[in-house]
Protein backbone atom coordinates (compact mmCIF):
# COMPACT_ATOMS: atom_id res chain seq x y z
CA MET A 1 15.50 45.98 10.79
CA GLU A 2 16.01 44.12 7.55
CA ALA A 3 17.06 40.80 6.01
CA ASP A 4 17.46 39.10 2.66
CA ILE A 5 14.53 36.75 3.24
CA ALA A 6 11.58 36.81 5.63
CA ILE A 7 9.39 33.75 6.10
CA VAL A 8 5.93 34.25 7.58
CA GLY A 9 4.81 31.05 9.28
CA ALA A 10 6.97 28.73 11.41
CA GLY A 11 5.12 25.50 10.80
CA ILE A 12 6.65 22.49 9.08
CA VAL A 13 6.52 24.16 5.65
CA GLY A 14 8.12 27.41 6.84
CA CYS A 15 10.85 25.64 8.79
CA VAL A 16 11.77 23.33 5.92
CA ILE A 17 11.89 26.32 3.56
CA ALA A 18 14.25 28.08 5.97
CA ARG A 19 16.40 24.96 6.14
CA GLU A 20 16.51 24.74 2.33
CA VAL A 21 17.45 28.40 1.93
CA ILE A 22 20.30 28.15 4.43
CA ALA A 23 21.53 24.91 2.86
CA ARG A 24 21.67 26.50 -0.58
CA ALA A 25 23.01 29.89 0.47
CA PRO A 26 24.54 29.79 3.98
CA GLY A 27 25.28 33.50 4.00
CA THR A 28 21.64 34.49 3.57
CA SER A 29 20.18 36.65 6.31
CA LEU A 30 16.79 35.14 7.09
CA VAL A 31 14.17 35.86 9.73
CA MET A 32 11.11 33.71 10.38
CA PHE A 33 7.97 35.10 12.00
CA ASP A 34 5.05 33.31 13.61
CA ARG A 35 2.02 34.56 15.49
CA ASP A 36 2.42 31.55 17.83
CA ALA A 37 5.31 29.36 18.93
CA VAL A 38 7.16 27.24 16.37
CA GLY A 39 4.90 24.40 15.22
CA GLY A 40 1.99 25.77 17.24
CA GLY A 41 -0.55 26.00 14.42
CA ALA A 42 -1.67 23.33 11.98
CA SER A 43 1.60 21.42 12.54
CA ARG A 44 0.56 20.75 16.14
CA ARG A 45 -2.61 18.97 15.02
CA SER A 46 -1.15 17.16 12.01
CA ALA A 47 -1.34 13.38 11.73
CA GLY A 48 2.09 13.58 10.10
CA LEU A 49 1.47 10.67 7.74
CA HIS A 50 3.58 10.20 4.63
CA LEU A 51 2.13 7.95 1.94
CA PRO A 52 4.06 7.20 -1.28
CA ARG A 53 1.34 8.42 -3.60
CA GLY A 54 -0.03 11.40 -5.45
CA SER A 55 -3.18 12.31 -7.35
CA THR A 56 -1.25 14.08 -10.13
CA ASP A 57 2.12 13.63 -11.80
CA ARG A 58 3.46 16.69 -9.96
CA VAL A 59 2.29 15.47 -6.57
CA ARG A 60 3.81 12.03 -7.20
CA ARG A 61 7.14 13.67 -8.04
CA MET A 62 6.86 15.82 -4.93
CA SER A 63 5.99 12.78 -2.82
CA GLU A 64 9.02 10.88 -4.08
CA TYR A 65 11.30 13.88 -3.48
CA SER A 66 9.98 14.37 0.04
CA GLN A 67 10.24 10.68 0.88
CA ASP A 68 13.94 10.69 -0.03
CA TYR A 69 14.44 13.96 1.87
CA TYR A 70 12.95 12.62 5.08
CA ALA A 71 14.93 9.40 4.77
CA ARG A 72 18.17 11.40 4.54
CA LEU A 73 17.06 13.65 7.38
CA LYS A 74 16.37 10.67 9.65
CA ALA A 75 19.64 8.98 8.68
CA GLY A 76 21.56 12.13 9.62
CA SER A 77 19.66 12.68 12.89
CA PRO A 78 18.34 9.28 14.09
CA THR A 79 16.60 10.77 17.14
CA LEU A 80 14.19 12.86 15.03
CA PRO A 81 10.56 11.77 15.61
CA ILE A 82 10.07 10.13 12.21
CA HIS A 83 8.81 6.53 12.37
CA GLU A 84 8.57 4.00 9.56
CA ARG A 85 5.44 1.84 9.34
CA GLY A 86 4.20 -0.89 7.03
CA MET A 87 1.19 -0.07 4.89
CA SER A 88 -1.96 -1.82 3.72
CA VAL A 89 -4.25 -0.29 1.10
CA VAL A 90 -7.92 -1.26 0.93
CA ALA A 91 -9.87 -0.52 -2.26
CA ALA A 92 -12.55 -1.97 -4.50
CA ALA A 93 -11.64 -5.24 -6.17
CA GLY A 94 -10.11 -4.61 -9.57
CA SER A 95 -8.49 -1.34 -8.49
CA ALA A 96 -4.92 -2.49 -9.21
CA PRO A 97 -4.55 -0.45 -12.45
CA LYS A 98 -5.86 2.70 -10.76
CA LEU A 99 -3.63 2.21 -7.72
CA ALA A 100 -0.61 1.78 -10.02
CA GLU A 101 -1.34 5.26 -11.40
CA VAL A 102 -1.57 6.82 -7.93
CA TYR A 103 1.12 5.08 -5.86
CA LEU A 104 4.84 5.31 -6.54
CA GLU A 105 6.47 2.29 -8.12
CA SER A 106 8.73 2.15 -5.06
CA ALA A 107 5.64 1.43 -2.91
CA ARG A 108 5.67 -2.11 -4.34
CA LEU A 109 1.95 -2.74 -3.83
CA THR A 110 1.30 -6.48 -3.54
CA PRO A 111 -2.15 -8.14 -3.25
CA THR A 112 -2.92 -9.72 0.11
CA ASP A 113 -5.82 -11.80 1.40
CA GLU A 114 -6.21 -10.11 4.76
CA VAL A 115 -5.35 -7.07 6.85
CA PRO A 116 -4.94 -7.74 10.59
CA GLY A 117 -7.81 -6.26 12.57
CA ILE A 118 -9.76 -5.23 9.46
CA ARG A 119 -12.89 -6.85 8.03
CA LEU A 120 -12.88 -6.65 4.24
CA PRO A 121 -16.43 -6.18 2.93
CA ASP A 122 -17.53 -8.00 -0.21
CA GLN A 123 -16.02 -6.64 -3.40
CA MET A 124 -13.10 -5.09 -1.49
CA GLN A 125 -9.46 -6.08 -1.83
CA ALA A 126 -6.22 -5.27 -0.01
CA TRP A 127 -2.61 -4.66 -0.97
CA THR A 128 0.52 -4.30 1.17
CA GLY A 129 3.22 -1.74 0.45
CA VAL A 130 6.31 0.07 1.70
CA GLY A 131 7.51 3.66 1.93
CA CYS A 132 5.07 4.77 4.62
CA GLN A 133 6.11 6.76 7.71
CA TYR A 134 4.69 9.20 10.18
CA ALA A 135 6.11 11.96 12.33
CA ASP A 136 5.29 13.97 15.41
CA VAL A 137 5.13 17.07 13.23
CA GLN A 138 5.22 19.63 16.01
CA ALA A 139 8.23 17.99 17.64
CA LEU A 140 9.98 17.63 14.28
CA THR A 141 9.30 21.28 13.44
CA GLN A 142 10.70 22.39 16.77
CA ALA A 143 13.78 20.19 16.29
CA LEU A 144 14.44 21.71 12.86
CA ALA A 145 14.00 25.22 14.28
CA ALA A 146 16.43 24.39 17.09
CA GLN A 147 19.02 23.38 14.49
CA LEU A 148 18.48 26.70 12.70
CA ARG A 149 18.67 28.95 15.75
CA GLY A 150 21.79 31.04 15.65
CA ARG A 151 21.83 30.85 11.86
CA ILE A 152 18.50 32.61 11.32
CA GLY A 153 16.38 35.07 13.28
CA LEU A 154 13.25 33.60 14.84
CA ARG A 155 10.45 35.84 16.07
CA GLU A 156 7.80 33.76 17.85
CA GLY A 157 4.58 35.33 19.05
CA VAL A 158 5.01 38.18 16.56
CA ARG A 159 2.09 38.64 14.16
CA VAL A 160 2.48 40.23 10.73
CA ASP A 161 -0.30 42.79 10.42
CA GLY A 162 0.58 44.28 7.04
CA ILE A 163 2.67 43.71 3.92
CA ASP A 164 3.73 46.60 1.70
CA ALA A 165 5.84 46.10 -1.42
CA ARG A 166 8.00 49.15 -1.93
CA ARG A 167 11.11 50.21 -3.82
CA ASP A 168 13.63 49.02 -1.22
CA GLY A 169 11.94 45.67 -0.55
CA VAL A 170 8.87 44.29 1.19
CA ALA A 171 7.90 45.94 4.46
CA LEU A 172 6.24 43.84 7.13
CA ARG A 173 4.26 45.72 9.76
CA LEU A 174 4.49 43.73 12.99
CA SER A 175 2.19 43.41 15.98
CA THR A 176 5.01 44.81 18.10
CA GLY A 177 4.77 48.14 16.27
CA GLU A 178 8.00 47.54 14.36
CA THR A 179 8.50 47.57 10.60
CA PHE A 180 10.73 44.89 9.10
CA VAL A 181 12.04 45.09 5.54
CA ALA A 182 13.13 42.05 3.51
CA HIS A 183 14.30 41.72 -0.07
CA GLN A 184 11.84 38.84 -0.53
CA VAL A 185 9.08 37.37 1.62
CA VAL A 186 7.72 33.82 1.68
CA LEU A 187 4.18 33.42 2.96
CA ALA A 188 3.61 29.99 4.53
CA PRO A 189 0.53 30.74 6.64
CA GLY A 190 -1.10 27.31 6.69
CA PRO A 191 -4.89 27.73 6.97
CA TRP A 192 -4.68 31.42 7.93
CA LEU A 193 -5.46 32.47 4.36
CA ALA A 194 -7.82 35.25 5.37
CA ALA A 195 -5.39 37.19 7.59
CA THR A 196 -5.75 40.90 6.89
CA ALA A 197 -2.10 41.32 5.88
CA TRP A 198 -2.30 39.01 2.85
CA ARG A 199 -5.98 38.26 2.23
CA GLU A 200 -6.12 40.37 -0.96
CA LEU A 201 -2.83 38.95 -2.24
CA LEU A 202 -4.11 35.38 -1.92
CA ALA A 203 -7.68 35.92 -3.09
CA PRO A 204 -6.90 35.36 -6.83
CA LEU A 205 -5.58 31.86 -6.07
CA GLY A 206 -9.03 30.66 -4.98
CA ASN A 207 -7.71 28.54 -2.12
CA ARG A 208 -10.21 27.43 0.54
CA VAL A 209 -10.02 26.22 4.12
CA LYS A 210 -11.61 22.90 5.10
CA LYS A 211 -12.28 21.40 8.51
CA VAL A 212 -10.14 18.37 9.37
CA VAL A 213 -11.25 15.79 11.94
CA ALA A 214 -9.28 12.81 13.22
CA LEU A 215 -10.46 10.52 16.02
CA HIS A 216 -8.28 8.84 18.61
CA VAL A 217 -9.00 5.14 18.93
CA GLU A 218 -8.30 4.01 22.48
CA GLN A 219 -6.47 0.82 21.56
CA THR A 220 -2.74 0.29 22.04
CA PRO A 221 -0.92 -0.44 18.76
CA ALA A 222 1.53 -3.29 18.49
CA ASP A 223 5.03 -2.60 17.19
CA ASP A 224 4.26 -4.31 13.88
CA ASP A 225 0.82 -2.83 13.26
CA GLN A 226 0.50 -1.26 9.84
CA VAL A 227 -1.11 1.91 8.55
CA VAL A 228 -4.37 1.01 6.83
CA VAL A 229 -5.37 3.27 3.94
CA PHE A 230 -8.99 3.20 2.78
CA GLN A 231 -8.35 4.43 -0.73
CA ASP A 232 -11.91 4.88 -1.96
CA GLU A 233 -13.01 6.72 1.20
CA ASP A 234 -9.84 8.85 1.44
CA ALA A 235 -9.41 7.78 5.07
CA PHE A 236 -6.77 5.98 7.08
CA LEU A 237 -5.99 4.25 10.37
CA LEU A 238 -2.61 5.21 11.81
CA PRO A 239 -1.02 3.34 14.74
CA LEU A 240 0.58 6.05 16.87
CA GLY A 241 2.99 3.89 18.83
CA GLN A 242 4.62 6.86 20.54
CA ARG A 243 1.26 8.02 21.92
CA GLY A 244 -0.22 4.60 22.67
CA HIS A 245 -3.36 4.83 20.53
CA TRP A 246 -4.59 4.73 16.94
CA LEU A 247 -5.73 7.70 14.89
CA TYR A 248 -8.59 7.48 12.41
CA SER A 249 -8.72 10.27 9.84
CA TYR A 250 -11.64 10.54 7.46
CA THR A 251 -12.77 13.12 4.92
CA CYS A 252 -14.80 15.91 6.48
CA THR A 253 -16.66 18.11 3.96
CA GLU A 254 -17.17 21.28 6.00
CA TRP A 255 -15.62 24.15 4.04
CA ASP A 256 -14.68 27.80 4.58
CA VAL A 257 -14.02 27.51 8.28
CA ASP A 258 -11.95 29.92 10.35
CA PRO A 259 -8.78 28.52 11.97
CA ASP A 260 -9.28 30.90 14.91
CA THR A 261 -12.70 29.43 15.76
CA VAL A 262 -12.88 25.89 14.32
CA ASP A 263 -10.86 24.33 17.15
CA GLY A 264 -13.83 24.07 19.50
CA GLY A 265 -13.66 20.35 20.22
CA LEU A 266 -15.37 17.35 18.69
CA LEU A 267 -19.05 17.65 17.84
CA ALA A 268 -21.60 14.86 17.94
CA ARG A 269 -21.77 14.84 14.13
CA ASP A 270 -17.98 14.45 13.93
CA LEU A 271 -18.12 11.31 16.07
CA ASP A 272 -21.16 9.97 14.22
CA GLU A 273 -19.64 10.45 10.76
CA ALA A 274 -16.29 8.92 11.66
CA ARG A 275 -17.79 5.95 13.48
CA GLU A 276 -20.15 5.28 10.60
CA HIS A 277 -17.22 5.17 8.17
CA LEU A 278 -15.12 2.93 10.39
CA ARG A 279 -17.82 0.44 11.43
CA GLY A 280 -17.79 -1.19 8.02
CA TYR A 281 -14.14 -2.20 8.47
CA ALA A 282 -13.40 -2.31 12.19
CA PRO A 283 -16.57 -2.15 14.32
CA ALA A 284 -14.75 -2.73 17.62
CA MET A 285 -12.36 0.13 16.89
CA ALA A 286 -15.27 2.38 15.94
CA GLU A 287 -16.71 2.03 19.41
CA ARG A 288 -13.37 3.00 20.94
CA CYS A 289 -13.42 6.39 19.19
CA THR A 290 -14.18 8.73 22.07
CA SER A 291 -11.74 11.62 21.57
CA GLY A 292 -9.76 13.25 18.81
CA ARG A 293 -8.45 16.43 17.23
CA VAL A 294 -10.24 19.08 15.20
CA PHE A 295 -8.65 21.76 13.08
CA CYS A 296 -8.47 22.77 9.42
CA ASP A 297 -6.15 23.08 6.45
CA ALA A 298 -5.85 25.01 3.21
CA TYR A 299 -6.82 23.39 -0.09
CA SER A 300 -6.19 24.47 -3.67
CA ARG A 301 -8.63 24.34 -6.55
CA THR A 302 -6.42 21.92 -8.49
CA GLY A 303 -5.46 19.42 -5.78
CA ASP A 304 -1.80 20.43 -6.17
CA PRO A 305 0.07 22.56 -3.61
CA ARG A 306 0.50 26.19 -4.60
CA VAL A 307 4.05 27.54 -4.74
CA ARG A 308 4.16 30.74 -6.76
CA PRO A 309 5.01 34.46 -6.70
CA LEU A 310 2.17 36.82 -5.80
CA ASP A 311 3.52 39.97 -7.42
CA SER A 312 5.02 40.84 -10.78
CA ASP A 313 8.51 41.32 -9.32
CA GLY A 314 8.52 37.97 -7.54
CA ARG A 315 9.26 39.58 -4.19
CA ILE A 316 6.38 37.87 -2.38
CA VAL A 317 6.12 34.07 -2.72
CA PHE A 318 3.29 31.89 -1.47
CA ALA A 319 3.86 28.28 -0.39
CA GLY A 320 0.83 26.43 0.88
CA ALA A 321 -2.62 24.99 0.14
CA ALA A 322 -1.14 21.49 0.31
CA ASN A 323 -4.57 19.84 0.60
CA GLY A 324 -3.92 18.18 3.95
CA SER A 325 -0.42 17.05 2.93
CA GLY A 326 1.72 19.84 4.33
CA TYR A 327 4.05 17.48 6.17
CA ARG A 328 4.19 14.96 3.35
CA LEU A 329 5.08 17.49 0.67
CA ALA A 330 6.93 20.15 2.69
CA PRO A 331 10.44 19.30 1.39
CA ALA A 332 9.35 19.45 -2.25
CA MET A 333 7.44 22.68 -1.62
CA ALA A 334 10.55 24.11 0.05
CA SER A 335 12.66 23.24 -2.98
CA GLU A 336 10.19 24.92 -5.32
CA ALA A 337 9.97 28.00 -3.09
CA ALA A 338 13.77 28.30 -2.88
CA ASP A 339 13.94 28.15 -6.67
CA LEU A 340 11.89 31.36 -6.72
CA LEU A 341 14.17 33.24 -4.34
CA HIS A 342 17.15 35.36 -5.34
CA LEU A 343 19.76 33.46 -3.38
CA VAL A 344 23.47 34.12 -3.57
CA ARG A 345 25.11 30.72 -3.44
CA SER A 346 28.36 30.22 -1.58
CA HIS A 347 31.36 29.31 -3.73
CA ALA A 348 33.46 28.16 -0.79
């Protein structure tokens, strides 16, 4: 068995890369592998929030690219689970110059005196903005995979146990006992950085895996409720209208966790930390935090996603460590990954 391109990982990043490859070179033979079902890993737990911002120039460019990409995607397929929302940003008073460096100009941040449902502590200020949306990432990933079926091979529930670069390509040793050979391989493993097949390949990058906790606030959002971003705390409140509750995501600082064991449910300290953060802004909502989601994600040392070849011949490409922004930056990561592949473009 062989193909031009193999993608390992059928989450949002892997599926968007596959979509980009086929768009650029429709004749490419491509097979995507995942140890689970499509979108069954980190994509299933993702908040799916897109914010028009970036901590570095590269991330801001990637954010702008991805925002335009998702807008075109939604316009072409209006039933896709991508939902626009208004946005309020809360930060220390006098933060306007700093926010202007972080948020895209298209966000049009404008000072405001109040944020519905939020108590602004002394010395805090708020701004409204545009360009914010969220998605049901698992459902979106599955929809993109459905569009690709028939044009690519899709092997769900098939784990890659080994990767061997050899003269005729890159050989993938599969959990089924088969060996699959591709001219190039893209690794998009999400937080599974330590998998035996590629652990040594990824070690020089210095990426790490961090626990991610988001609480579900049992309060029904209104249609016009906005996303509230707590800039200084790196946290946000997201009204999940399709699910009928809010989501509160805050920064958890538990590092080097294992994606195969971290998903053990909320712990008392998770609830305590999140509620403590939220009480200062929305005490009533803090008391309605009784459930949530726990998983992890891969983070780079630089704060930028990593898209780069892992071998001298460029036959193995890594795309990941998006620092909790896999959905938000997936289209831009896909474009960068496709640039590294030896695609034969159609001249039709």
